[in-house]
């Protein structure tokens, strides 16, 4: 079952094997709190997938640093992460897979 909803107001019904945040955490005042709030909706062994645009300054960098700190901290098991860079323009994204 796929759900698409407003990040800040959605209350998950049930639990999920995977929860994906794709380029949305920049639009919430506390991305770490939102990730932790949604964690309760993961099935045992479920994963969180996060994709973030990479910037070297400003709010995007603040969000990226906060999310990176969360997933590399003791509360999460960071299964994998990588940085994707386009060849043409050098646009970058950071991707995380954690439980």
N, C-alpha and C. Protein backbone atom coordinates (compact mmCIF):
# COMPACT_ATOMS: atom_id res chain seq x y z
N UNK A 1 0.84 -1.17 0.00
CA UNK A 1 0.00 0.00 0.00
C UNK A 1 0.89 1.24 0.00
N UNK A 2 0.62 2.17 -0.87
CA UNK A 2 1.36 3.42 -0.95
C UNK A 2 0.52 4.53 -0.35
N UNK A 3 1.17 5.39 0.41
CA UNK A 3 0.50 6.56 0.98
C UNK A 3 1.26 7.80 0.55
N UNK A 4 0.54 8.82 0.22
CA UNK A 4 1.12 10.13 -0.09
C UNK A 4 0.30 11.15 0.69
N UNK A 5 0.98 11.92 1.57
CA UNK A 5 0.24 12.83 2.43
C UNK A 5 1.13 13.98 2.87
N UNK A 6 0.53 14.94 3.55
CA UNK A 6 1.27 16.07 4.12
C UNK A 6 2.14 15.56 5.25
N UNK A 7 3.42 15.82 5.18
CA UNK A 7 4.40 15.34 6.15
C UNK A 7 4.06 15.73 7.58
N UNK A 8 3.66 16.96 7.78
CA UNK A 8 3.48 17.49 9.13
C UNK A 8 2.18 17.05 9.80
N UNK A 9 1.17 16.71 9.00
CA UNK A 9 -0.14 16.41 9.61
C UNK A 9 -0.57 14.96 9.50
N UNK A 10 0.07 14.19 8.65
CA UNK A 10 -0.33 12.80 8.45
C UNK A 10 -0.05 11.96 9.69
N UNK A 11 -1.04 11.17 10.08
CA UNK A 11 -0.88 10.21 11.17
C UNK A 11 -0.97 8.81 10.53
N UNK A 12 0.15 8.11 10.45
CA UNK A 12 0.14 6.80 9.80
C UNK A 12 -0.87 5.84 10.44
N UNK A 13 -1.58 5.14 9.59
CA UNK A 13 -2.51 4.11 10.03
C UNK A 13 -1.84 2.78 9.79
N UNK A 14 -1.45 2.12 10.84
CA UNK A 14 -0.75 0.85 10.69
C UNK A 14 0.75 1.07 10.61
N UNK A 15 1.43 0.03 10.17
CA UNK A 15 2.89 0.09 10.06
C UNK A 15 3.32 -0.32 8.66
N UNK A 16 4.57 0.00 8.34
CA UNK A 16 5.07 -0.16 6.97
C UNK A 16 6.45 -0.80 6.98
N UNK A 17 6.78 -1.49 5.90
CA UNK A 17 8.11 -2.07 5.73
C UNK A 17 9.14 -1.02 5.34
N UNK A 18 8.70 0.03 4.68
CA UNK A 18 9.60 1.10 4.26
C UNK A 18 8.86 2.43 4.28
N UNK A 19 9.57 3.45 4.71
CA UNK A 19 9.06 4.81 4.66
C UNK A 19 10.10 5.63 3.92
N UNK A 20 9.66 6.37 2.91
CA UNK A 20 10.54 7.15 2.04
C UNK A 20 10.27 8.63 2.21
N UNK A 21 11.32 9.38 2.48
CA UNK A 21 11.27 10.84 2.45
C UNK A 21 12.14 11.29 1.28
N UNK A 22 11.51 11.75 0.22
CA UNK A 22 12.23 12.15 -0.98
C UNK A 22 12.12 13.66 -1.16
N UNK A 23 13.17 14.38 -0.79
CA UNK A 23 13.25 15.82 -0.99
C UNK A 23 12.17 16.61 -0.25
N UNK A 24 11.67 16.11 0.88
CA UNK A 24 10.62 16.83 1.61
C UNK A 24 11.07 17.38 2.96
N UNK A 25 12.15 16.88 3.48
CA UNK A 25 12.56 17.27 4.84
C UNK A 25 13.03 18.72 4.93
N UNK A 26 13.29 19.35 3.80
CA UNK A 26 13.65 20.77 3.79
C UNK A 26 12.45 21.66 4.15
N UNK A 27 11.26 21.11 4.04
CA UNK A 27 10.04 21.90 4.21
C UNK A 27 9.42 21.78 5.60
N UNK A 28 10.15 21.21 6.53
CA UNK A 28 9.67 21.09 7.90
C UNK A 28 10.67 21.77 8.83
N UNK A 29 10.20 22.43 9.87
CA UNK A 29 11.14 23.14 10.75
C UNK A 29 12.06 22.21 11.53
N UNK A 30 11.66 20.96 11.74
CA UNK A 30 12.49 20.03 12.52
C UNK A 30 12.49 18.66 11.84
N UNK A 31 13.37 18.47 10.84
CA UNK A 31 13.38 17.21 10.12
C UNK A 31 13.69 16.00 11.00
N UNK A 32 14.55 16.17 11.98
CA UNK A 32 14.88 15.06 12.88
C UNK A 32 13.64 14.62 13.66
N UNK A 33 12.87 15.56 14.15
CA UNK A 33 11.65 15.22 14.88
C UNK A 33 10.67 14.48 13.99
N UNK A 34 10.54 14.88 12.74
CA UNK A 34 9.62 14.20 11.82
C UNK A 34 10.07 12.78 11.54
N UNK A 35 11.37 12.59 11.30
CA UNK A 35 11.88 11.23 11.07
C UNK A 35 11.60 10.36 12.29
N UNK A 36 11.88 10.88 13.46
CA UNK A 36 11.65 10.11 14.68
C UNK A 36 10.17 9.84 14.91
N UNK A 37 9.31 10.79 14.56
CA UNK A 37 7.87 10.59 14.70
C UNK A 37 7.38 9.45 13.80
N UNK A 38 7.87 9.42 12.57
CA UNK A 38 7.44 8.39 11.63
C UNK A 38 8.08 7.03 11.92
N UNK A 39 9.16 7.03 12.67
CA UNK A 39 9.82 5.76 12.99
C UNK A 39 8.88 4.78 13.67
N UNK A 40 7.97 5.30 14.47
CA UNK A 40 7.00 4.45 15.16
C UNK A 40 6.11 3.68 14.19
N UNK A 41 6.03 4.12 12.95
CA UNK A 41 5.19 3.46 11.95
C UNK A 41 5.95 2.41 11.14
N UNK A 42 7.20 2.14 11.49
CA UNK A 42 7.95 1.10 10.80
C UNK A 42 7.69 -0.26 11.43
N UNK A 43 7.51 -1.27 10.58
CA UNK A 43 7.44 -2.65 11.06
C UNK A 43 8.79 -3.04 11.64
N UNK A 44 8.85 -4.04 12.51
CA UNK A 44 10.16 -4.54 12.95
C UNK A 44 11.00 -4.93 11.73
N UNK A 45 12.20 -4.45 11.67
CA UNK A 45 13.06 -4.69 10.51
C UNK A 45 12.80 -3.76 9.35
N UNK A 46 11.81 -2.86 9.49
CA UNK A 46 11.50 -1.90 8.42
C UNK A 46 12.61 -0.87 8.27
N UNK A 47 12.61 -0.20 7.12
CA UNK A 47 13.68 0.75 6.81
C UNK A 47 13.13 2.14 6.50
N UNK A 48 13.95 3.12 6.77
CA UNK A 48 13.69 4.51 6.41
C UNK A 48 14.64 4.83 5.26
N UNK A 49 14.09 5.42 4.21
CA UNK A 49 14.89 5.83 3.06
C UNK A 49 14.74 7.33 2.94
N UNK A 50 15.88 8.03 2.88
CA UNK A 50 15.86 9.49 2.82
C UNK A 50 16.76 9.96 1.69
N UNK A 51 16.24 10.87 0.88
CA UNK A 51 17.00 11.52 -0.18
C UNK A 51 16.98 13.02 0.07
N UNK A 52 18.17 13.62 0.07
CA UNK A 52 18.30 15.06 0.31
C UNK A 52 19.22 15.70 -0.72
N UNK A 53 18.80 16.83 -1.23
CA UNK A 53 19.63 17.65 -2.12
C UNK A 53 20.80 18.19 -1.32
N UNK A 54 21.99 18.17 -1.89
CA UNK A 54 23.19 18.61 -1.19
C UNK A 54 23.55 20.03 -1.60
N UNK A 55 23.65 20.91 -0.62
CA UNK A 55 24.17 22.26 -0.81
C UNK A 55 25.26 22.47 0.23
N UNK A 56 26.18 23.36 -0.06
CA UNK A 56 27.31 23.61 0.84
C UNK A 56 27.04 24.69 1.86
N UNK A 57 25.85 25.29 1.83
CA UNK A 57 25.52 26.35 2.78
C UNK A 57 24.01 26.47 2.91
N UNK A 58 23.57 27.28 3.87
CA UNK A 58 22.16 27.60 4.02
C UNK A 58 21.35 26.50 4.67
N UNK A 59 20.04 26.63 4.53
CA UNK A 59 19.11 25.71 5.16
C UNK A 59 19.25 24.27 4.69
N UNK A 60 19.56 24.07 3.42
CA UNK A 60 19.73 22.71 2.90
C UNK A 60 20.90 22.02 3.60
N UNK A 61 21.99 22.74 3.83
CA UNK A 61 23.13 22.16 4.53
C UNK A 61 22.78 21.87 5.99
N UNK A 62 22.03 22.76 6.61
CA UNK A 62 21.61 22.55 8.00
C UNK A 62 20.77 21.28 8.12
N UNK A 63 19.83 21.10 7.19
CA UNK A 63 18.99 19.91 7.19
C UNK A 63 19.82 18.66 6.96
N UNK A 64 20.70 18.69 5.97
CA UNK A 64 21.55 17.55 5.67
C UNK A 64 22.41 17.18 6.88
N UNK A 65 23.01 18.17 7.51
CA UNK A 65 23.86 17.90 8.68
C UNK A 65 23.05 17.27 9.82
N UNK A 66 21.83 17.77 10.05
CA UNK A 66 20.99 17.23 11.12
C UNK A 66 20.59 15.78 10.84
N UNK A 67 20.20 15.50 9.61
CA UNK A 67 19.79 14.14 9.25
C UNK A 67 20.99 13.20 9.29
N UNK A 68 22.13 13.65 8.81
CA UNK A 68 23.34 12.82 8.86
C UNK A 68 23.71 12.50 10.31
N UNK A 69 23.64 13.50 11.17
CA UNK A 69 23.93 13.27 12.58
C UNK A 69 22.98 12.28 13.21
N UNK A 70 21.70 12.34 12.84
CA UNK A 70 20.72 11.41 13.37
C UNK A 70 21.04 9.98 12.95
N UNK A 71 21.23 9.77 11.65
CA UNK A 71 21.43 8.41 11.14
C UNK A 71 22.78 7.81 11.49
N UNK A 72 23.77 8.63 11.80
CA UNK A 72 25.07 8.11 12.20
C UNK A 72 25.21 8.04 13.72
N UNK A 73 24.16 8.45 14.43
CA UNK A 73 24.15 8.40 15.89
C UNK A 73 23.75 7.02 16.40
N UNK A 74 23.71 6.89 17.72
CA UNK A 74 23.47 5.57 18.34
C UNK A 74 22.04 5.06 18.24
N UNK A 75 21.08 5.90 17.91
CA UNK A 75 19.67 5.49 17.91
C UNK A 75 19.25 4.76 16.64
N UNK A 76 20.04 4.90 15.58
CA UNK A 76 19.69 4.30 14.29
C UNK A 76 20.79 3.35 13.84
N UNK A 77 20.41 2.36 13.03
CA UNK A 77 21.35 1.48 12.37
C UNK A 77 21.43 1.93 10.92
N UNK A 78 22.51 2.63 10.57
CA UNK A 78 22.70 3.12 9.20
C UNK A 78 23.16 1.94 8.34
N UNK A 79 22.27 1.45 7.50
CA UNK A 79 22.57 0.28 6.67
C UNK A 79 23.45 0.65 5.50
N UNK A 80 23.21 1.82 4.93
CA UNK A 80 24.02 2.28 3.80
C UNK A 80 23.71 3.73 3.52
N UNK A 81 24.63 4.40 2.89
CA UNK A 81 24.39 5.75 2.40
C UNK A 81 25.37 6.03 1.27
N UNK A 82 24.97 6.94 0.40
CA UNK A 82 25.83 7.27 -0.73
C UNK A 82 25.52 8.69 -1.20
N UNK A 83 26.42 9.22 -1.98
CA UNK A 83 26.21 10.52 -2.60
C UNK A 83 26.14 10.30 -4.10
N UNK A 84 25.10 10.84 -4.69
CA UNK A 84 24.88 10.74 -6.13
C UNK A 84 25.18 12.11 -6.73
N UNK A 85 26.01 12.13 -7.76
CA UNK A 85 26.37 13.38 -8.43
C UNK A 85 26.13 13.23 -9.93
N UNK A 86 25.40 14.19 -10.51
CA UNK A 86 25.19 14.15 -11.95
C UNK A 86 26.48 14.51 -12.67
N UNK A 87 26.69 13.92 -13.82
CA UNK A 87 27.92 14.17 -14.57
C UNK A 87 27.90 15.52 -15.27
N UNK A 88 26.74 15.95 -15.73
CA UNK A 88 26.66 17.20 -16.48
C UNK A 88 26.83 18.45 -15.63
N UNK A 89 25.98 18.62 -14.65
CA UNK A 89 25.96 19.83 -13.84
C UNK A 89 26.60 19.67 -12.47
N UNK A 90 26.88 18.46 -12.07
CA UNK A 90 27.44 18.23 -10.76
C UNK A 90 26.45 18.38 -9.62
N UNK A 91 25.15 18.29 -9.92
CA UNK A 91 24.12 18.34 -8.89
C UNK A 91 24.27 17.11 -8.00
N UNK A 92 24.11 17.31 -6.67
CA UNK A 92 24.37 16.22 -5.73
C UNK A 92 23.17 15.94 -4.82
N UNK A 93 23.01 14.66 -4.48
CA UNK A 93 22.03 14.20 -3.52
C UNK A 93 22.71 13.24 -2.56
N UNK A 94 22.25 13.26 -1.32
CA UNK A 94 22.71 12.29 -0.32
C UNK A 94 21.55 11.34 -0.07
N UNK A 95 21.82 10.04 -0.08
CA UNK A 95 20.81 9.02 0.12
C UNK A 95 21.15 8.19 1.34
N UNK A 96 20.15 7.92 2.18
CA UNK A 96 20.34 7.13 3.40
C UNK A 96 19.36 5.98 3.43
N UNK A 97 19.83 4.85 3.95
CA UNK A 97 19.01 3.68 4.23
C UNK A 97 19.31 3.28 5.67
N UNK A 98 18.30 3.39 6.54
CA UNK A 98 18.52 3.15 7.96
C UNK A 98 17.35 2.43 8.58
N UNK A 99 17.62 1.81 9.73
CA UNK A 99 16.53 1.20 10.52
C UNK A 99 16.75 1.49 11.97
